Amino acid sequence: MYAITIPEPGGPEALVWDDVPDPVPAEGEVLVDVVASAVNRADLLQRQGFYNPPPGASPYPGLECAGRVVALGPGTEGSGWSVGDEVCALLSGGGYAEKVAVPVGQLLPVPDGVDLVTAAGLPEVTCTVWSNVFMIAHLRPGETLLAHGGASGIGTMAIQLAKSVGARVAVTAGGPEKLARCAELGADILIDYREQDFVDELKKATDGAGADVILDIVGAKYLDRNVKALAVNGRLAVIGMQGGVKGELNLGALLVKRAAITATSLRGRPLGEKASIVAAVREHVWPLIGAGQVRPIVDRTFPMSDAAQAHRALEAGDHIGKILLTRA
């Protein structure tokens, strides 16, 4: 098969479409013929040499895909999956390829009303948002969620899922166009992080209360201000480190608010934990997508062999929603 390889870490030009051995499904895995994948920030870090795949995972980038089951590995009999099924999948790697072996617990059916290519942009964002905002931070109806990077793939999904349960949503994004798209998806409080201080704006919009849950992709740079922006009994979920890995935390401020901070990544979790998250997404999120209440937001697509251009587009930061890679 062909796959995007990374012979040496570097810029987008380090991505090479090359002939490689076909994967062989191990115990509990199925083989998927990939129709499309999606680009995530983790892929950029892997390309740069900063985020290696977990042991045993495919060496090729790509944390999600959509395609068709072409072979069942040992131990998958009775799993409910059959050759020919159209699926999307959460991966630890290998999405930028013509075929990938997937643990059965990380497979999802393509939701009603979503085409196979578009489905490639769903697994990572739905699993990330649902596990952090709902399974860990327990966002409830009537509470306020602050989603940083509201126009990103994660942000556009967080807005929709939070609104679906009756929460109020605040977002940060760069510029009026992105904020307008966030508003179209249901965001109530729009903050341009380039021109406004999100702590001040959030306090004004919530009569000084702040956010009950904050979903943060920035990390260290926002740590202090995120704590200031939290409501009493607030929960901060850190899922990214675009603003650095080391910050200073005022434990006193956290204590006064009786607040909590969690930091998670999805890629390196044990198979059982991933399977539980995927099952929860199938139960809670897939019906919302099937009913049209939640939809995947796709900015643009590139041929998989031209993954370098897709990486450049993500790095440019002018996209809204997901960037997909498709088989030619």
C-alpha atoms as a PDB file:
ATOM      1  CA  MET A   1       0.000   0.000   0.000  1.00  0.00           C
ATOM      2  CA  TYR A   2       0.949   3.678  -0.025  1.00  0.00           C
ATOM      3  CA  ALA A   3       1.204   5.784   3.122  1.00  0.00           C
ATOM      4  CA  ILE A   4       2.581   9.120   4.261  1.00  0.00           C
ATOM      5  CA  THR A   5       5.950   8.435   5.866  1.00  0.00           C
ATOM      6  CA  ILE A   6       8.302  10.718   7.805  1.00  0.00           C
ATOM      7  CA  PRO A   7      11.876   9.650   6.955  1.00  0.00           C
ATOM      8  CA  GLU A   8      13.269  12.605   8.925  1.00  0.00           C
ATOM      9  CA  PRO A   9      11.440  15.090  11.185  1.00  0.00           C
ATOM     10  CA  GLY A  10      10.958  18.554   9.751  1.00  0.00           C
ATOM     11  CA  GLY A  11       8.560  20.884   7.974  1.00  0.00           C
ATOM     12  CA  PRO A  12       5.651  19.832   5.761  1.00  0.00           C
ATOM     13  CA  GLU A  13       8.138  18.749   3.087  1.00  0.00           C
ATOM     14  CA  ALA A  14       9.183  15.929   5.443  1.00  0.00           C
ATOM     15  CA  LEU A  15       5.951  14.082   4.575  1.00  0.00           C
ATOM     16  CA  VAL A  16       6.601  11.497   1.846  1.00  0.00           C
ATOM     17  CA  TRP A  17       3.947   9.411   0.025  1.00  0.00           C
ATOM     18  CA  ASP A  18       5.708   6.068  -0.220  1.00  0.00           C
ATOM     19  CA  ASP A  19       5.161   2.371  -0.890  1.00  0.00           C
ATOM     20  CA  VAL A  20       5.125   0.470   2.416  1.00  0.00           C
ATOM     21  CA  PRO A  21       4.065  -3.004   3.618  1.00  0.00           C
ATOM     22  CA  ASP A  22       0.371  -3.619   4.185  1.00  0.00           C
ATOM     23  CA  PRO A  23      -0.659  -3.768   7.850  1.00  0.00           C
ATOM     24  CA  VAL A  24      -1.758  -7.108   9.254  1.00  0.00           C
ATOM     25  CA  PRO A  25      -4.596  -7.024  11.801  1.00  0.00           C
ATOM     26  CA  ALA A  26      -3.547  -8.390  15.181  1.00  0.00           C
ATOM     27  CA  GLU A  27      -5.747 -10.017  17.800  1.00  0.00           C
ATOM     28  CA  GLY A  28      -8.908  -7.958  18.213  1.00  0.00           C
ATOM     29  CA  GLU A  29      -8.306  -5.779  15.140  1.00  0.00           C
ATOM     30  CA  VAL A  30      -9.925  -5.369  11.745  1.00  0.00           C
ATOM     31  CA  LEU A  31      -8.341  -4.072   8.550  1.00  0.00           C
ATOM     32  CA  VAL A  32      -9.909  -0.944   7.081  1.00  0.00           C
ATOM     33  CA  ASP A  33      -9.472   0.284   3.510  1.00  0.00           C
ATOM     34  CA  VAL A  34      -9.109   4.021   4.114  1.00  0.00           C
ATOM     35  CA  VAL A  35     -11.209   6.428   2.065  1.00  0.00           C
ATOM     36  CA  ALA A  36     -10.328   9.575   4.029  1.00  0.00           C
ATOM     37  CA  SER A  37      -8.453  10.804   7.082  1.00  0.00           C
ATOM     38  CA  ALA A  38      -8.181  14.138   8.874  1.00  0.00           C
ATOM     39  CA  VAL A  39      -5.387  16.444   9.975  1.00  0.00           C
ATOM     40  CA  ASN A  40      -4.893  17.127  13.683  1.00  0.00           C
ATOM     41  CA  ARG A  41      -2.390  19.224  15.636  1.00  0.00           C
ATOM     42  CA  ALA A  42      -0.829  16.022  16.934  1.00  0.00           C
ATOM     43  CA  ASP A  43       0.113  15.120  13.353  1.00  0.00           C
ATOM     44  CA  LEU A  44       2.116  18.338  13.059  1.00  0.00           C
ATOM     45  CA  LEU A  45       3.964  17.516  16.264  1.00  0.00           C
ATOM     46  CA  GLN A  46       4.701  13.985  15.073  1.00  0.00           C
ATOM     47  CA  ARG A  47       6.054  15.351  11.791  1.00  0.00           C
ATOM     48  CA  GLN A  48       8.332  17.679  13.733  1.00  0.00           C
ATOM     49  CA  GLY A  49       9.648  14.818  15.880  1.00  0.00           C
ATOM     50  CA  PHE A  50       7.932  15.913  19.114  1.00  0.00           C
ATOM     51  CA  TYR A  51       5.105  13.379  19.452  1.00  0.00           C
ATOM     52  CA  ASN A  52       5.988   9.801  18.639  1.00  0.00           C
ATOM     53  CA  PRO A  53       3.259   7.156  18.339  1.00  0.00           C
ATOM     54  CA  PRO A  54       2.690   4.951  21.391  1.00  0.00           C
ATOM     55  CA  PRO A  55       4.445   1.557  21.415  1.00  0.00           C
ATOM     56  CA  GLY A  56       2.917  -0.851  18.927  1.00  0.00           C
ATOM     57  CA  ALA A  57       1.013   1.825  16.995  1.00  0.00           C
ATOM     58  CA  SER A  58       1.428   2.518  13.298  1.00  0.00           C
ATOM     59  CA  PRO A  59       4.424   4.773  12.588  1.00  0.00           C
ATOM     60  CA  TYR A  60       2.431   6.807  10.070  1.00  0.00           C
ATOM     61  CA  PRO A  61       0.499   9.938  11.103  1.00  0.00           C
ATOM     62  CA  GLY A  62      -3.266  10.123  11.246  1.00  0.00           C
ATOM     63  CA  LEU A  63      -5.440   9.790  14.365  1.00  0.00           C
ATOM     64  CA  GLU A  64      -8.748   9.087  12.629  1.00  0.00           C
ATOM     65  CA  CYS A  65     -10.102   7.727   9.380  1.00  0.00           C
ATOM     66  CA  ALA A  66     -13.162   6.546   7.496  1.00  0.00           C
ATOM     67  CA  GLY A  67     -13.376   3.640   5.103  1.00  0.00           C
ATOM     68  CA  ARG A  68     -14.589   0.067   4.652  1.00  0.00           C
ATOM     69  CA  VAL A  69     -13.753  -3.100   6.553  1.00  0.00           C
ATOM     70  CA  VAL A  70     -11.799  -5.426   4.258  1.00  0.00           C
ATOM     71  CA  ALA A  71     -10.638  -8.125   6.686  1.00  0.00           C
ATOM     72  CA  LEU A  72     -11.408  -9.369  10.187  1.00  0.00           C
ATOM     73  CA  GLY A  73      -8.459 -10.219  12.405  1.00  0.00           C
ATOM     74  CA  PRO A  74      -8.319 -13.028  14.956  1.00  0.00           C
ATOM     75  CA  GLY A  75     -10.664 -12.699  17.893  1.00  0.00           C
ATOM     76  CA  THR A  76     -13.121 -10.381  16.138  1.00  0.00           C
ATOM     77  CA  GLU A  77     -15.736 -12.982  15.352  1.00  0.00           C
ATOM     78  CA  GLY A  78     -19.000 -11.960  16.926  1.00  0.00           C
ATOM     79  CA  SER A  79     -17.862  -8.360  17.260  1.00  0.00           C
ATOM     80  CA  GLY A  80     -20.743  -7.143  15.143  1.00  0.00           C
ATOM     81  CA  TRP A  81     -18.509  -5.959  12.309  1.00  0.00           C
ATOM     82  CA  SER A  82     -18.396  -7.541   8.855  1.00  0.00           C
ATOM     83  CA  VAL A  83     -16.341  -7.188   5.711  1.00  0.00           C
ATOM     84  CA  GLY A  84     -17.829  -4.374   3.629  1.00  0.00           C
ATOM     85  CA  ASP A  85     -19.089  -2.302   6.584  1.00  0.00           C
ATOM     86  CA  GLU A  86     -18.587   1.437   6.199  1.00  0.00           C
ATOM     87  CA  VAL A  87     -16.914   2.749   9.337  1.00  0.00           C
ATOM     88  CA  CYS A  88     -14.989   5.601  10.891  1.00  0.00           C
ATOM     89  CA  ALA A  89     -12.384   5.010  13.536  1.00  0.00           C
ATOM     90  CA  LEU A  90     -10.302   6.534  16.303  1.00  0.00           C
ATOM     91  CA  LEU A  91      -6.644   5.646  15.758  1.00  0.00           C
ATOM     92  CA  SER A  92      -3.309   5.817  17.545  1.00  0.00           C
ATOM     93  CA  GLY A  93      -1.700   6.377  14.141  1.00  0.00           C
ATOM     94  CA  GLY A  94      -1.817   5.201  10.560  1.00  0.00           C
ATOM     95  CA  GLY A  95      -4.700   7.233   9.155  1.00  0.00           C
ATOM     96  CA  TYR A  96      -2.566   8.758   6.388  1.00  0.00           C
ATOM     97  CA  ALA A  97      -2.471   5.464   4.507  1.00  0.00           C
ATOM     98  CA  GLU A  98      -4.456   3.298   2.141  1.00  0.00           C
ATOM     99  CA  LYS A  99      -5.084   0.689   4.843  1.00  0.00           C
ATOM    100  CA  VAL A 100      -4.957   0.649   8.623  1.00  0.00           C
ATOM    101  CA  ALA A 101      -5.491  -1.974  11.330  1.00  0.00           C
ATOM    102  CA  VAL A 102      -7.997  -0.817  13.949  1.00  0.00           C
ATOM    103  CA  PRO A 103      -8.956  -2.292  17.350  1.00  0.00           C
ATOM    104  CA  VAL A 104     -12.638  -3.231  17.152  1.00  0.00           C
ATOM    105  CA  GLY A 105     -13.406  -1.098  20.212  1.00  0.00           C
ATOM    106  CA  GLN A 106     -12.370   2.015  18.280  1.00  0.00           C
ATOM    107  CA  LEU A 107     -14.682   1.494  15.308  1.00  0.00           C
ATOM    108  CA  LEU A 108     -17.838   3.512  14.795  1.00  0.00           C
ATOM    109  CA  PRO A 109     -20.544   3.181  12.147  1.00  0.00           C
ATOM    110  CA  VAL A 110     -20.893   6.128   9.789  1.00  0.00           C
ATOM    111  CA  PRO A 111     -23.681   8.270  11.300  1.00  0.00           C
ATOM    112  CA  ASP A 112     -26.951   8.695   9.454  1.00  0.00           C
ATOM    113  CA  GLY A 113     -26.874  11.663   7.094  1.00  0.00           C
ATOM    114  CA  VAL A 114     -23.055  11.847   6.891  1.00  0.00           C
ATOM    115  CA  ASP A 115     -21.094  10.759   3.825  1.00  0.00           C
ATOM    116  CA  LEU A 116     -18.100   8.478   4.183  1.00  0.00           C
ATOM    117  CA  VAL A 117     -15.459  11.143   3.492  1.00  0.00           C
ATOM    118  CA  THR A 118     -16.929  13.639   5.950  1.00  0.00           C
ATOM    119  CA  ALA A 119     -17.148  10.940   8.624  1.00  0.00           C
ATOM    120  CA  ALA A 120     -13.329  10.883   8.731  1.00  0.00           C
ATOM    121  CA  GLY A 121     -13.417  14.188  10.616  1.00  0.00           C
ATOM    122  CA  LEU A 122     -15.644  12.945  13.433  1.00  0.00           C
ATOM    123  CA  PRO A 123     -13.860  10.407  15.676  1.00  0.00           C
ATOM    124  CA  GLU A 124     -11.112  12.563  17.172  1.00  0.00           C
ATOM    125  CA  VAL A 125     -13.230  15.641  17.893  1.00  0.00           C
ATOM    126  CA  THR A 126     -16.255  13.778  19.213  1.00  0.00           C
ATOM    127  CA  CYS A 127     -14.175  11.519  21.455  1.00  0.00           C
ATOM    128  CA  THR A 128     -12.059  14.418  22.737  1.00  0.00           C
ATOM    129  CA  VAL A 129     -14.987  16.719  23.477  1.00  0.00           C
ATOM    130  CA  TRP A 130     -17.296  14.092  24.934  1.00  0.00           C
ATOM    131  CA  SER A 131     -14.633  12.544  27.179  1.00  0.00           C
ATOM    132  CA  ASN A 132     -13.394  15.857  28.552  1.00  0.00           C
ATOM    133  CA  VAL A 133     -16.435  18.123  28.665  1.00  0.00           C
ATOM    134  CA  PHE A 134     -19.014  15.521  29.653  1.00  0.00           C
ATOM    135  CA  MET A 135     -17.352  12.378  31.059  1.00  0.00           C
ATOM    136  CA  ILE A 136     -14.732  14.250  33.136  1.00  0.00           C
ATOM    137  CA  ALA A 137     -15.961  17.847  33.596  1.00  0.00           C
ATOM    138  CA  HIS A 138     -19.667  16.862  33.700  1.00  0.00           C
ATOM    139  CA  LEU A 139     -21.068  19.920  31.918  1.00  0.00           C
ATOM    140  CA  ARG A 140     -24.728  20.277  32.887  1.00  0.00           C
ATOM    141  CA  PRO A 141     -27.747  22.106  31.438  1.00  0.00           C
ATOM    142  CA  GLY A 142     -27.705  25.789  32.318  1.00  0.00           C
ATOM    143  CA  GLU A 143     -23.956  25.888  32.947  1.00  0.00           C
ATOM    144  CA  THR A 144     -21.474  27.932  30.912  1.00  0.00           C
ATOM    145  CA  LEU A 145     -18.752  26.362  28.790  1.00  0.00           C
ATOM    146  CA  LEU A 146     -15.785  28.407  27.565  1.00  0.00           C
ATOM    147  CA  ALA A 147     -14.167  26.762  24.531  1.00  0.00           C
ATOM    148  CA  HIS A 148     -10.854  28.216  23.441  1.00  0.00           C
ATOM    149  CA  GLY A 149     -10.254  27.945  19.711  1.00  0.00           C
ATOM    150  CA  GLY A 150     -13.967  27.975  19.009  1.00  0.00           C
ATOM    151  CA  ALA A 151     -13.507  27.818  15.220  1.00  0.00           C
ATOM    152  CA  SER A 152     -11.246  24.765  15.327  1.00  0.00           C
ATOM    153  CA  GLY A 153     -12.427  21.222  14.775  1.00  0.00           C
ATOM    154  CA  ILE A 154     -12.578  20.701  18.538  1.00  0.00           C
ATOM    155  CA  GLY A 155     -14.240  24.067  19.108  1.00  0.00           C
ATOM    156  CA  THR A 156     -16.959  23.703  16.487  1.00  0.00           C
ATOM    157  CA  MET A 157     -17.896  20.310  17.941  1.00  0.00           C
ATOM    158  CA  ALA A 158     -17.777  21.584  21.538  1.00  0.00           C
ATOM    159  CA  ILE A 159     -20.168  24.424  20.716  1.00  0.00           C
ATOM    160  CA  GLN A 160     -22.726  22.087  19.199  1.00  0.00           C
ATOM    161  CA  LEU A 161     -22.559  19.391  21.861  1.00  0.00           C
ATOM    162  CA  ALA A 162     -22.757  21.890  24.705  1.00  0.00           C
ATOM    163  CA  LYS A 163     -25.791  23.577  23.137  1.00  0.00           C
ATOM    164  CA  SER A 164     -27.431  20.189  22.625  1.00  0.00           C
ATOM    165  CA  VAL A 165     -27.536  19.661  26.402  1.00  0.00           C
ATOM    166  CA  GLY A 166     -28.771  23.172  27.153  1.00  0.00           C
ATOM    167  CA  ALA A 167     -25.528  24.832  28.199  1.00  0.00           C
ATOM    168  CA  ARG A 168     -24.470  28.402  27.466  1.00  0.00           C
ATOM    169  CA  VAL A 169     -21.346  28.625  25.291  1.00  0.00           C
ATOM    170  CA  ALA A 170     -18.564  31.195  25.227  1.00  0.00           C
ATOM    171  CA  VAL A 171     -15.755  30.967  22.687  1.00  0.00           C
ATOM    172  CA  THR A 172     -12.483  32.629  21.899  1.00  0.00           C
ATOM    173  CA  ALA A 173     -11.424  32.906  18.261  1.00  0.00           C
ATOM    174  CA  GLY A 174      -9.287  35.160  16.096  1.00  0.00           C
ATOM    175  CA  GLY A 175     -11.267  37.684  14.074  1.00  0.00           C
ATOM    176  CA  PRO A 176     -14.870  38.485  13.155  1.00  0.00           C
ATOM    177  CA  GLU A 177     -15.240  35.813  10.455  1.00  0.00           C
ATOM    178  CA  LYS A 178     -14.402  32.973  12.813  1.00  0.00           C
ATOM    179  CA  LEU A 179     -16.576  34.417  15.564  1.00  0.00           C
ATOM    180  CA  ALA A 180     -19.472  34.733  13.120  1.00  0.00           C
ATOM    181  CA  ARG A 181     -19.196  31.041  12.251  1.00  0.00           C
ATOM    182  CA  CYS A 182     -19.137  30.183  15.943  1.00  0.00           C
ATOM    183  CA  ALA A 183     -22.314  32.215  16.415  1.00  0.00           C
ATOM    184  CA  GLU A 184     -23.970  30.322  13.558  1.00  0.00           C
ATOM    185  CA  LEU A 185     -23.255  27.095  15.424  1.00  0.00           C
ATOM    186  CA  GLY A 186     -24.853  28.446  18.588  1.00  0.00           C
ATOM    187  CA  ALA A 187     -22.123  30.217  20.556  1.00  0.00           C
ATOM    188  CA  ASP A 188     -23.633  32.838  22.881  1.00  0.00           C
ATOM    189  CA  ILE A 189     -20.554  34.794  24.003  1.00  0.00           C
ATOM    190  CA  LEU A 190     -18.037  35.745  21.307  1.00  0.00           C
ATOM    191  CA  ILE A 191     -14.549  36.868  22.330  1.00  0.00           C
ATOM    192  CA  ASP A 192     -11.849  37.952  19.878  1.00  0.00           C
ATOM    193  CA  TYR A 193      -8.689  36.917  21.705  1.00  0.00           C
ATOM    194  CA  ARG A 194      -6.620  39.250  19.498  1.00  0.00           C
ATOM    195  CA  GLU A 195      -8.527  42.339  20.649  1.00  0.00           C
ATOM    196  CA  GLN A 196     -10.178  41.391  23.944  1.00  0.00           C
ATOM    197  CA  ASP A 197      -9.222  39.874  27.288  1.00  0.00           C
ATOM    198  CA  PHE A 198     -11.272  36.725  27.652  1.00  0.00           C
ATOM    199  CA  VAL A 199     -11.383  36.914  31.454  1.00  0.00           C
ATOM    200  CA  ASP A 200     -12.896  40.418  31.423  1.00  0.00           C
ATOM    201  CA  GLU A 201     -15.330  39.657  28.618  1.00  0.00           C
ATOM    202  CA  LEU A 202     -16.503  36.419  30.204  1.00  0.00           C
ATOM    203  CA  LYS A 203     -17.032  38.079  33.575  1.00  0.00           C
ATOM    204  CA  LYS A 204     -19.092  40.844  31.939  1.00  0.00           C
ATOM    205  CA  ALA A 205     -21.251  38.356  30.082  1.00  0.00           C
ATOM    206  CA  THR A 206     -21.880  36.159  33.138  1.00  0.00           C
ATOM    207  CA  ASP A 207     -22.446  38.894  35.743  1.00  0.00           C
ATOM    208  CA  GLY A 208     -19.084  38.093  37.276  1.00  0.00           C
ATOM    209  CA  ALA A 209     -19.699  34.365  37.667  1.00  0.00           C
ATOM    210  CA  GLY A 210     -17.271  32.999  35.045  1.00  0.00           C
ATOM    211  CA  ALA A 211     -17.292  29.645  33.253  1.00  0.00           C
ATOM    212  CA  ASP A 212     -18.337  26.401  34.883  1.00  0.00           C
ATOM    213  CA  VAL A 213     -16.235  24.415  32.413  1.00  0.00           C
ATOM    214  CA  ILE A 214     -13.288  25.576  30.291  1.00  0.00           C
ATOM    215  CA  LEU A 215     -11.971  23.459  27.411  1.00  0.00           C
ATOM    216  CA  ASP A 216      -8.424  24.649  26.782  1.00  0.00           C
ATOM    217  CA  ILE A 217      -6.130  23.874  23.843  1.00  0.00           C
ATOM    218  CA  VAL A 218      -3.518  26.501  24.783  1.00  0.00           C
ATOM    219  CA  GLY A 219      -1.961  25.254  28.021  1.00  0.00           C
ATOM    220  CA  ALA A 220       0.636  27.146  30.050  1.00  0.00           C
ATOM    221  CA  LYS A 221       0.092  30.566  28.475  1.00  0.00           C
ATOM    222  CA  TYR A 222      -3.567  30.589  29.550  1.00  0.00           C
ATOM    223  CA  LEU A 223      -3.268  28.745  32.876  1.00  0.00           C
ATOM    224  CA  ASP A 224      -3.457  31.728  35.239  1.00  0.00           C
ATOM    225  CA  ARG A 225      -6.197  33.487  33.282  1.00  0.00           C
ATOM    226  CA  ASN A 226      -8.191  30.288  32.936  1.00  0.00           C
ATOM    227  CA  VAL A 227      -8.257  29.910  36.716  1.00  0.00           C
ATOM    228  CA  LYS A 228      -9.401  33.537  37.029  1.00  0.00           C
ATOM    229  CA  ALA A 229     -12.136  32.853  34.460  1.00  0.00           C
ATOM    230  CA  LEU A 230     -13.499  29.805  36.310  1.00  0.00           C
ATOM    231  CA  ALA A 231     -16.696  30.005  38.292  1.00  0.00           C
ATOM    232  CA  VAL A 232     -16.960  28.640  41.820  1.00  0.00           C
ATOM    233  CA  ASN A 233     -16.830  24.838  41.525  1.00  0.00           C
ATOM    234  CA  GLY A 234     -15.491  25.303  37.988  1.00  0.00           C
ATOM    235  CA  ARG A 235     -13.635  22.645  36.019  1.00  0.00           C
ATOM    236  CA  LEU A 236     -10.710  23.352  33.690  1.00  0.00           C
ATOM    237  CA  ALA A 237      -9.958  20.648  31.108  1.00  0.00           C
ATOM    238  CA  VAL A 238      -6.578  21.097  29.420  1.00  0.00           C
ATOM    239  CA  ILE A 239      -6.247  19.154  26.161  1.00  0.00           C
ATOM    240  CA  GLY A 240      -3.483  21.029  24.335  1.00  0.00           C
ATOM    241  CA  MET A 241      -0.204  22.812  24.870  1.00  0.00           C
ATOM    242  CA  GLN A 242      -0.002  25.258  21.977  1.00  0.00           C
ATOM    243  CA  GLY A 243       0.968  27.935  24.497  1.00  0.00           C
ATOM    244  CA  GLY A 244       3.635  25.928  26.314  1.00  0.00           C
ATOM    245  CA  VAL A 245       3.920  23.150  28.869  1.00  0.00           C
ATOM    246  CA  LYS A 246       5.039  24.949  32.049  1.00  0.00           C
ATOM    247  CA  GLY A 247       2.977  27.555  33.864  1.00  0.00           C
ATOM    248  CA  GLU A 248       2.654  28.963  37.367  1.00  0.00           C
ATOM    249  CA  LEU A 249      -0.469  27.945  39.260  1.00  0.00           C
ATOM    250  CA  ASN A 250      -1.948  29.939  42.131  1.00  0.00           C
ATOM    251  CA  LEU A 251      -3.281  27.144  44.322  1.00  0.00           C
ATOM    252  CA  GLY A 252      -4.924  29.684  46.588  1.00  0.00           C
ATOM    253  CA  ALA A 253      -7.104  30.964  43.762  1.00  0.00           C
ATOM    254  CA  LEU A 254      -8.021  27.384  42.874  1.00  0.00           C
ATOM    255  CA  LEU A 255      -8.830  26.588  46.507  1.00  0.00           C
ATOM    256  CA  VAL A 256     -11.070  29.620  46.998  1.00  0.00           C
ATOM    257  CA  LYS A 257     -13.127  28.594  43.969  1.00  0.00           C
ATOM    258  CA  ARG A 258     -13.156  24.907  44.940  1.00  0.00           C
ATOM    259  CA  ALA A 259     -12.141  24.344  41.334  1.00  0.00           C
ATOM    260  CA  ALA A 260     -10.512  21.401  39.557  1.00  0.00           C
ATOM    261  CA  ILE A 261      -7.990  21.059  36.746  1.00  0.00           C
ATOM    262  CA  THR A 262      -7.604  17.970  34.586  1.00  0.00           C
ATOM    263  CA  ALA A 263      -5.189  17.404  31.725  1.00  0.00           C
ATOM    264  CA  THR A 264      -5.703  14.555  29.296  1.00  0.00           C
ATOM    265  CA  SER A 265      -4.531  13.159  26.007  1.00  0.00           C
ATOM    266  CA  LEU A 266      -6.404  10.557  23.989  1.00  0.00           C
ATOM    267  CA  ARG A 267      -3.765   8.908  21.832  1.00  0.00           C
ATOM    268  CA  GLY A 268      -1.834   6.995  24.492  1.00  0.00           C
ATOM    269  CA  ARG A 269      -4.758   5.760  26.574  1.00  0.00           C
ATOM    270  CA  PRO A 270      -5.196   2.000  27.101  1.00  0.00           C
ATOM    271  CA  LEU A 271      -7.449   0.200  24.624  1.00  0.00           C
ATOM    272  CA  GLY A 272     -10.144  -0.346  27.235  1.00  0.00           C
ATOM    273  CA  GLU A 273     -10.397   3.363  28.039  1.00  0.00           C
ATOM    274  CA  LYS A 274     -10.578   4.285  24.379  1.00  0.00           C
ATOM    275  CA  ALA A 275     -13.251   1.670  23.796  1.00  0.00           C
ATOM    276  CA  SER A 276     -15.313   3.099  26.664  1.00  0.00           C
ATOM    277  CA  ILE A 277     -15.063   6.606  25.224  1.00  0.00           C
ATOM    278  CA  VAL A 278     -15.965   5.408  21.729  1.00  0.00           C
ATOM    279  CA  ALA A 279     -18.961   3.503  23.121  1.00  0.00           C
ATOM    280  CA  ALA A 280     -20.140   6.622  24.983  1.00  0.00           C
ATOM    281  CA  VAL A 281     -19.800   8.711  21.818  1.00  0.00           C
ATOM    282  CA  ARG A 282     -21.807   6.155  19.853  1.00  0.00           C
ATOM    283  CA  GLU A 283     -24.521   6.192  22.508  1.00  0.00           C
ATOM    284  CA  HIS A 284     -24.767   9.927  23.136  1.00  0.00           C
ATOM    285  CA  VAL A 285     -23.351  11.796  20.124  1.00  0.00           C
ATOM    286  CA  TRP A 286     -24.273   9.637  17.124  1.00  0.00           C
ATOM    287  CA  PRO A 287     -28.046  10.076  17.669  1.00  0.00           C
ATOM    288  CA  LEU A 288     -27.546  13.866  17.734  1.00  0.00           C
ATOM    289  CA  ILE A 289     -25.677  13.718  14.426  1.00  0.00           C
ATOM    290  CA  GLY A 290     -28.302  11.411  12.931  1.00  0.00           C
ATOM    291  CA  ALA A 291     -31.028  13.854  13.982  1.00  0.00           C
ATOM    292  CA  GLY A 292     -29.175  16.813  12.439  1.00  0.00           C
ATOM    293  CA  GLN A 293     -28.665  18.567  15.777  1.00  0.00           C
ATOM    294  CA  VAL A 294     -24.886  18.222  15.516  1.00  0.00           C
ATOM    295  CA  ARG A 295     -22.897  18.187  12.292  1.00  0.00           C
ATOM    296  CA  PRO A 296     -19.267  17.852  11.284  1.00  0.00           C
ATOM    297  CA  ILE A 297     -17.736  21.120  10.064  1.00  0.00           C
ATOM    298  CA  VAL A 298     -15.282  20.603   7.190  1.00  0.00           C
ATOM    299  CA  ASP A 299     -13.175  23.502   5.934  1.00  0.00           C
ATOM    300  CA  ARG A 300     -11.489  21.846   2.939  1.00  0.00           C
ATOM    301  CA  THR A 301     -10.025  18.611   1.621  1.00  0.00           C
ATOM    302  CA  PHE A 302      -6.688  17.652   0.071  1.00  0.00           C
ATOM    303  CA  PRO A 303      -5.507  14.490  -1.660  1.00  0.00           C
ATOM    304  CA  MET A 304      -3.775  12.289   0.893  1.00  0.00           C
ATOM    305  CA  SER A 305      -0.632  12.230  -1.226  1.00  0.00           C
ATOM    306  CA  ASP A 306      -0.530  16.037  -0.790  1.00  0.00           C
ATOM    307  CA  ALA A 307      -0.601  15.929   3.005  1.00  0.00           C
ATOM    308  CA  ALA A 308       2.157  18.545   3.087  1.00  0.00           C
ATOM    309  CA  GLN A 309      -0.241  21.170   1.729  1.00  0.00           C
ATOM    310  CA  ALA A 310      -2.850  20.146   4.277  1.00  0.00           C
ATOM    311  CA  HIS A 311      -0.304  20.633   7.066  1.00  0.00           C
ATOM    312  CA  ARG A 312       0.550  24.071   5.715  1.00  0.00           C
ATOM    313  CA  ALA A 313      -3.141  24.957   5.717  1.00  0.00           C
ATOM    314  CA  LEU A 314      -3.559  23.883   9.342  1.00  0.00           C
ATOM    315  CA  GLU A 315      -0.439  25.787  10.382  1.00  0.00           C
ATOM    316  CA  ALA A 316      -1.706  28.934   8.617  1.00  0.00           C
ATOM    317  CA  GLY A 317      -4.606  28.940  11.067  1.00  0.00           C
ATOM    318  CA  ASP A 318      -7.261  30.398   8.769  1.00  0.00           C
ATOM    319  CA  HIS A 319      -9.441  27.282   8.651  1.00  0.00           C
ATOM    320  CA  ILE A 320     -12.805  26.738  10.341  1.00  0.00           C
ATOM    321  CA  GLY A 321     -13.525  23.169  11.390  1.00  0.00           C
ATOM    322  CA  LYS A 322     -11.660  20.157  10.039  1.00  0.00           C
ATOM    323  CA  ILE A 323      -9.173  19.662   7.201  1.00  0.00           C
ATOM    324  CA  LEU A 324      -9.555  16.266   5.531  1.00  0.00           C
ATOM    325  CA  LEU A 325      -7.329  14.047   3.403  1.00  0.00           C
ATOM    326  CA  THR A 326      -8.925  11.893   0.710  1.00  0.00           C
ATOM    327  CA  ARG A 327      -7.694   8.976  -1.361  1.00  0.00           C
ATOM    328  CA  ALA A 328      -7.266  10.006  -4.995  1.00  0.00           C
END
